[in-house]
């Protein structure tokens, strides 16, 4: 009878481990889904909003490049690579010197 109890315990332990692993995977997937949803919601909430005052950003043309300008405070916001692109033709101008200042 003791052998039956041992085998029953091992079988029960095996199925408990499977169930725990299934629950762990489900919890990890849930956390990943929530993180994705949070990222999406934040992006949607802040998309084309001024980081300074929160108002709508408008895309304007500046020296052949599209930059974002706040509809309220008139701040200009550049996407990745836009400063380099704008500064390239005028290395000695204002944007060129601004670029040099940020590069070190």
N, C-alpha and C. Protein backbone atom coordinates (compact mmCIF):
# COMPACT_ATOMS: atom_id res chain seq x y z
N UNK A 1 0.82 -1.19 0.00
CA UNK A 1 0.00 0.00 0.00
C UNK A 1 0.87 1.26 0.00
N UNK A 2 2.02 1.18 0.63
CA UNK A 2 2.92 2.34 0.69
C UNK A 2 3.44 2.68 -0.70
N UNK A 3 3.67 1.62 -1.53
CA UNK A 3 4.13 1.87 -2.90
C UNK A 3 3.05 2.59 -3.71
N UNK A 4 1.79 2.22 -3.50
CA UNK A 4 0.70 2.90 -4.20
C UNK A 4 0.65 4.37 -3.81
N UNK A 5 0.84 4.65 -2.53
CA UNK A 5 0.83 6.04 -2.06
C UNK A 5 1.96 6.84 -2.69
N UNK A 6 3.16 6.21 -2.80
CA UNK A 6 4.31 6.91 -3.40
C UNK A 6 4.04 7.21 -4.86
N UNK A 7 3.52 6.21 -5.59
CA UNK A 7 3.28 6.44 -7.02
C UNK A 7 2.16 7.45 -7.21
N UNK A 8 1.18 7.41 -6.35
CA UNK A 8 0.10 8.39 -6.44
C UNK A 8 0.64 9.78 -6.17
N UNK A 9 1.51 9.91 -5.20
CA UNK A 9 2.09 11.21 -4.87
C UNK A 9 2.95 11.73 -6.02
N UNK A 10 3.71 10.83 -6.66
CA UNK A 10 4.55 11.25 -7.78
C UNK A 10 3.69 11.69 -8.96
N UNK A 11 2.62 10.95 -9.21
CA UNK A 11 1.72 11.30 -10.30
C UNK A 11 1.03 12.64 -10.00
N UNK A 12 0.57 12.79 -8.78
CA UNK A 12 -0.08 14.03 -8.37
C UNK A 12 0.90 15.21 -8.46
N UNK A 13 2.14 14.98 -8.04
CA UNK A 13 3.17 16.01 -8.12
C UNK A 13 3.45 16.40 -9.57
N UNK A 14 3.49 15.42 -10.45
CA UNK A 14 3.72 15.67 -11.87
C UNK A 14 2.64 16.60 -12.44
N UNK A 15 1.38 16.27 -12.17
CA UNK A 15 0.28 17.07 -12.70
C UNK A 15 0.23 18.46 -12.05
N UNK A 16 0.60 18.55 -10.80
CA UNK A 16 0.68 19.86 -10.14
C UNK A 16 1.76 20.73 -10.79
N UNK A 17 2.89 20.12 -11.12
CA UNK A 17 3.96 20.86 -11.80
C UNK A 17 3.49 21.36 -13.17
N UNK A 18 2.81 20.49 -13.91
CA UNK A 18 2.27 20.89 -15.21
C UNK A 18 1.31 22.07 -15.06
N UNK A 19 0.43 21.98 -14.08
CA UNK A 19 -0.54 23.05 -13.84
C UNK A 19 0.16 24.35 -13.44
N UNK A 20 1.16 24.26 -12.57
CA UNK A 20 1.91 25.45 -12.17
C UNK A 20 2.63 26.08 -13.36
N UNK A 21 3.22 25.27 -14.21
CA UNK A 21 3.91 25.77 -15.40
C UNK A 21 2.91 26.45 -16.34
N UNK A 22 1.75 25.85 -16.51
CA UNK A 22 0.71 26.44 -17.37
C UNK A 22 0.27 27.79 -16.81
N UNK A 23 0.07 27.86 -15.50
CA UNK A 23 -0.34 29.13 -14.87
C UNK A 23 0.76 30.18 -14.98
N UNK A 24 2.02 29.77 -14.83
CA UNK A 24 3.14 30.71 -14.94
C UNK A 24 3.21 31.30 -16.34
N UNK A 25 3.06 30.44 -17.36
CA UNK A 25 3.07 30.91 -18.74
C UNK A 25 1.91 31.86 -19.02
N UNK A 26 0.73 31.51 -18.52
CA UNK A 26 -0.43 32.38 -18.69
C UNK A 26 -0.20 33.75 -18.04
N UNK A 27 0.38 33.74 -16.84
CA UNK A 27 0.65 35.00 -16.14
C UNK A 27 1.67 35.84 -16.91
N UNK A 28 2.73 35.22 -17.44
CA UNK A 28 3.72 35.94 -18.23
C UNK A 28 3.10 36.54 -19.49
N UNK A 29 2.25 35.78 -20.16
CA UNK A 29 1.57 36.27 -21.37
C UNK A 29 0.65 37.43 -21.02
N UNK A 30 -0.03 37.33 -19.89
CA UNK A 30 -0.92 38.40 -19.45
C UNK A 30 -0.13 39.68 -19.18
N UNK A 31 1.00 39.56 -18.49
CA UNK A 31 1.85 40.72 -18.20
C UNK A 31 2.36 41.34 -19.51
N UNK A 32 2.77 40.52 -20.45
CA UNK A 32 3.26 41.03 -21.74
C UNK A 32 2.14 41.74 -22.49
N UNK A 33 0.93 41.18 -22.49
CA UNK A 33 -0.20 41.82 -23.16
C UNK A 33 -0.52 43.17 -22.52
N UNK A 34 -0.50 43.20 -21.19
CA UNK A 34 -0.79 44.45 -20.48
C UNK A 34 0.27 45.51 -20.79
N UNK A 35 1.53 45.11 -20.86
CA UNK A 35 2.61 46.05 -21.18
C UNK A 35 2.42 46.60 -22.59
N UNK A 36 2.07 45.74 -23.54
CA UNK A 36 1.82 46.19 -24.91
C UNK A 36 0.64 47.15 -24.96
N UNK A 37 -0.43 46.82 -24.26
CA UNK A 37 -1.61 47.69 -24.25
C UNK A 37 -1.28 49.04 -23.61
N UNK A 38 -0.49 49.02 -22.56
CA UNK A 38 -0.09 50.27 -21.89
C UNK A 38 0.74 51.13 -22.83
N UNK A 39 1.72 50.50 -23.51
CA UNK A 39 2.54 51.24 -24.48
C UNK A 39 1.68 51.84 -25.57
N UNK A 40 0.75 51.05 -26.10
CA UNK A 40 -0.13 51.54 -27.17
C UNK A 40 -0.99 52.71 -26.67
N UNK A 41 -1.53 52.58 -25.47
CA UNK A 41 -2.38 53.64 -24.92
C UNK A 41 -1.58 54.92 -24.69
N UNK A 42 -0.35 54.80 -24.17
CA UNK A 42 0.48 55.97 -23.96
C UNK A 42 0.85 56.64 -25.27
N UNK A 43 1.18 55.83 -26.26
CA UNK A 43 1.53 56.38 -27.56
C UNK A 43 0.33 57.13 -28.16
N UNK A 44 -0.84 56.51 -28.06
CA UNK A 44 -2.05 57.13 -28.59
C UNK A 44 -2.36 58.44 -27.85
N UNK A 45 -2.17 58.43 -26.54
CA UNK A 45 -2.48 59.61 -25.74
C UNK A 45 -1.51 60.76 -26.02
N UNK A 46 -0.25 60.46 -26.30
CA UNK A 46 0.77 61.48 -26.47
C UNK A 46 1.15 61.74 -27.92
N UNK A 47 0.58 61.00 -28.84
CA UNK A 47 0.94 61.13 -30.25
C UNK A 47 0.63 62.54 -30.74
N UNK A 48 1.66 63.18 -31.31
CA UNK A 48 1.56 64.52 -31.87
C UNK A 48 1.04 65.53 -30.84
N UNK A 49 1.52 65.39 -29.60
CA UNK A 49 1.24 66.34 -28.53
C UNK A 49 2.54 66.98 -28.10
N UNK A 50 2.50 68.26 -27.79
CA UNK A 50 3.68 69.00 -27.37
C UNK A 50 4.16 68.48 -26.02
N UNK A 51 5.44 68.13 -25.90
CA UNK A 51 5.95 67.66 -24.62
C UNK A 51 5.99 68.77 -23.55
N UNK A 52 5.94 70.01 -23.99
CA UNK A 52 6.02 71.14 -23.06
C UNK A 52 4.64 71.51 -22.51
N UNK A 53 3.66 71.70 -23.40
CA UNK A 53 2.35 72.18 -22.92
C UNK A 53 1.20 71.20 -23.19
N UNK A 54 1.45 70.14 -23.97
CA UNK A 54 0.43 69.13 -24.21
C UNK A 54 -0.54 69.42 -25.33
N UNK A 55 -0.38 70.54 -26.00
CA UNK A 55 -1.28 70.88 -27.10
C UNK A 55 -0.88 70.14 -28.37
N UNK A 56 -1.70 70.27 -29.39
CA UNK A 56 -1.50 69.54 -30.65
C UNK A 56 -0.25 70.05 -31.38
N UNK A 57 0.52 69.10 -31.94
CA UNK A 57 1.65 69.44 -32.79
C UNK A 57 1.20 69.43 -34.25
N UNK A 58 1.65 70.42 -34.99
CA UNK A 58 1.34 70.51 -36.41
C UNK A 58 2.63 70.27 -37.19
N UNK A 59 2.52 69.53 -38.25
CA UNK A 59 3.69 69.28 -39.09
C UNK A 59 3.84 70.45 -40.06
N UNK A 60 5.02 71.09 -40.03
CA UNK A 60 5.26 72.23 -40.92
C UNK A 60 6.50 71.94 -41.76
N UNK A 61 6.62 72.66 -42.84
CA UNK A 61 7.78 72.54 -43.73
C UNK A 61 8.82 73.57 -43.29
N UNK A 62 10.06 73.13 -43.08
CA UNK A 62 11.14 74.04 -42.72
C UNK A 62 12.39 73.62 -43.48
N UNK A 63 12.84 74.46 -44.39
CA UNK A 63 14.02 74.19 -45.22
C UNK A 63 13.95 72.82 -45.90
N UNK A 64 12.80 72.51 -46.40
CA UNK A 64 12.62 71.25 -47.12
C UNK A 64 12.43 70.04 -46.23
N UNK A 65 12.30 70.25 -44.94
CA UNK A 65 12.10 69.15 -43.99
C UNK A 65 10.80 69.37 -43.24
N UNK A 66 10.16 68.30 -42.87
CA UNK A 66 8.95 68.40 -42.07
C UNK A 66 9.35 68.31 -40.59
N UNK A 67 8.97 69.33 -39.84
CA UNK A 67 9.22 69.35 -38.39
C UNK A 67 7.89 69.59 -37.70
N UNK A 68 7.84 69.29 -36.40
CA UNK A 68 6.61 69.44 -35.64
C UNK A 68 6.66 70.75 -34.86
N UNK A 69 5.57 71.54 -34.96
CA UNK A 69 5.49 72.79 -34.22
C UNK A 69 4.22 72.78 -33.39
N UNK A 70 4.33 73.24 -32.14
CA UNK A 70 3.19 73.28 -31.25
C UNK A 70 2.22 74.36 -31.71
N UNK A 71 0.96 74.03 -31.69
CA UNK A 71 -0.08 74.97 -32.11
C UNK A 71 -0.31 76.06 -31.06
N UNK A 72 0.22 75.85 -29.85
CA UNK A 72 0.00 76.83 -28.79
C UNK A 72 1.27 77.61 -28.44
N UNK A 73 2.31 76.93 -27.98
CA UNK A 73 3.52 77.61 -27.52
C UNK A 73 4.53 77.85 -28.65
N UNK A 74 4.26 77.29 -29.81
CA UNK A 74 5.09 77.44 -31.01
C UNK A 74 6.46 76.78 -30.90
N UNK A 75 6.64 75.90 -29.92
CA UNK A 75 7.89 75.16 -29.81
C UNK A 75 8.09 74.26 -31.01
N UNK A 76 9.33 74.05 -31.40
CA UNK A 76 9.66 73.16 -32.52
C UNK A 76 10.22 71.86 -31.96
N UNK A 77 9.76 70.76 -32.51
CA UNK A 77 10.18 69.44 -32.04
C UNK A 77 10.66 68.64 -33.24
N UNK A 78 11.81 68.02 -33.07
CA UNK A 78 12.44 67.26 -34.16
C UNK A 78 12.42 65.78 -33.85
N UNK A 79 12.21 64.99 -34.88
CA UNK A 79 12.29 63.54 -34.74
C UNK A 79 13.75 63.12 -34.85
N UNK A 80 14.02 61.86 -34.57
CA UNK A 80 15.38 61.34 -34.63
C UNK A 80 15.97 61.58 -36.01
N UNK A 81 17.18 62.14 -36.04
CA UNK A 81 17.89 62.36 -37.29
C UNK A 81 17.58 63.68 -37.97
N UNK A 82 16.53 64.37 -37.55
CA UNK A 82 16.16 65.61 -38.23
C UNK A 82 17.15 66.75 -37.95
N UNK A 83 17.69 66.81 -36.76
CA UNK A 83 18.67 67.86 -36.47
C UNK A 83 19.90 67.71 -37.37
N UNK A 84 20.39 66.49 -37.49
CA UNK A 84 21.54 66.24 -38.36
C UNK A 84 21.22 66.61 -39.80
N UNK A 85 20.03 66.25 -40.22
CA UNK A 85 19.61 66.53 -41.60
C UNK A 85 19.49 68.04 -41.84
N UNK A 86 18.94 68.75 -40.88
CA UNK A 86 18.80 70.20 -41.02
C UNK A 86 20.14 70.91 -40.91
N UNK A 87 21.04 70.41 -40.09
CA UNK A 87 22.32 71.07 -39.86
C UNK A 87 23.32 70.80 -40.99
N UNK A 88 23.16 69.72 -41.70
CA UNK A 88 24.12 69.32 -42.72
C UNK A 88 24.43 70.42 -43.74
N UNK A 89 23.45 71.05 -44.38
CA UNK A 89 23.79 72.05 -45.39
C UNK A 89 24.44 73.31 -44.81
N UNK A 90 24.22 73.59 -43.54
CA UNK A 90 24.71 74.82 -42.94
C UNK A 90 25.58 74.52 -41.73
N UNK A 91 26.70 73.89 -41.90
CA UNK A 91 27.55 73.54 -40.77
C UNK A 91 28.01 74.76 -39.98
N UNK A 92 28.08 75.93 -40.63
CA UNK A 92 28.53 77.12 -39.92
C UNK A 92 27.37 77.94 -39.36
N UNK A 93 26.14 77.58 -39.70
CA UNK A 93 24.97 78.35 -39.25
C UNK A 93 24.56 77.98 -37.83
N UNK A 94 23.41 78.50 -37.44
CA UNK A 94 22.90 78.29 -36.08
C UNK A 94 22.70 76.82 -35.77
N UNK A 95 22.04 76.09 -36.67
CA UNK A 95 21.78 74.67 -36.41
C UNK A 95 23.07 73.86 -36.40
N UNK A 96 24.02 74.24 -37.23
CA UNK A 96 25.31 73.56 -37.22
C UNK A 96 26.03 73.74 -35.90
N UNK A 97 26.01 74.95 -35.37
CA UNK A 97 26.66 75.19 -34.08
C UNK A 97 25.90 74.52 -32.95
N UNK A 98 24.58 74.46 -33.06
CA UNK A 98 23.77 73.75 -32.07
C UNK A 98 24.10 72.27 -32.07
N UNK A 99 24.26 71.72 -33.25
CA UNK A 99 24.62 70.31 -33.38
C UNK A 99 25.97 70.05 -32.73
N UNK A 100 26.96 70.90 -33.01
CA UNK A 100 28.30 70.74 -32.44
C UNK A 100 28.25 70.80 -30.93
N UNK A 101 27.41 71.67 -30.39
CA UNK A 101 27.29 71.80 -28.94
C UNK A 101 26.79 70.50 -28.32
N UNK A 102 25.82 69.83 -28.96
CA UNK A 102 25.28 68.59 -28.43
C UNK A 102 26.22 67.41 -28.65
N UNK A 103 27.05 67.46 -29.67
CA UNK A 103 27.98 66.37 -29.94
C UNK A 103 29.15 66.37 -28.97
N UNK A 104 29.43 67.46 -28.38
CA UNK A 104 30.51 67.45 -27.38
C UNK A 104 31.56 68.41 -27.65
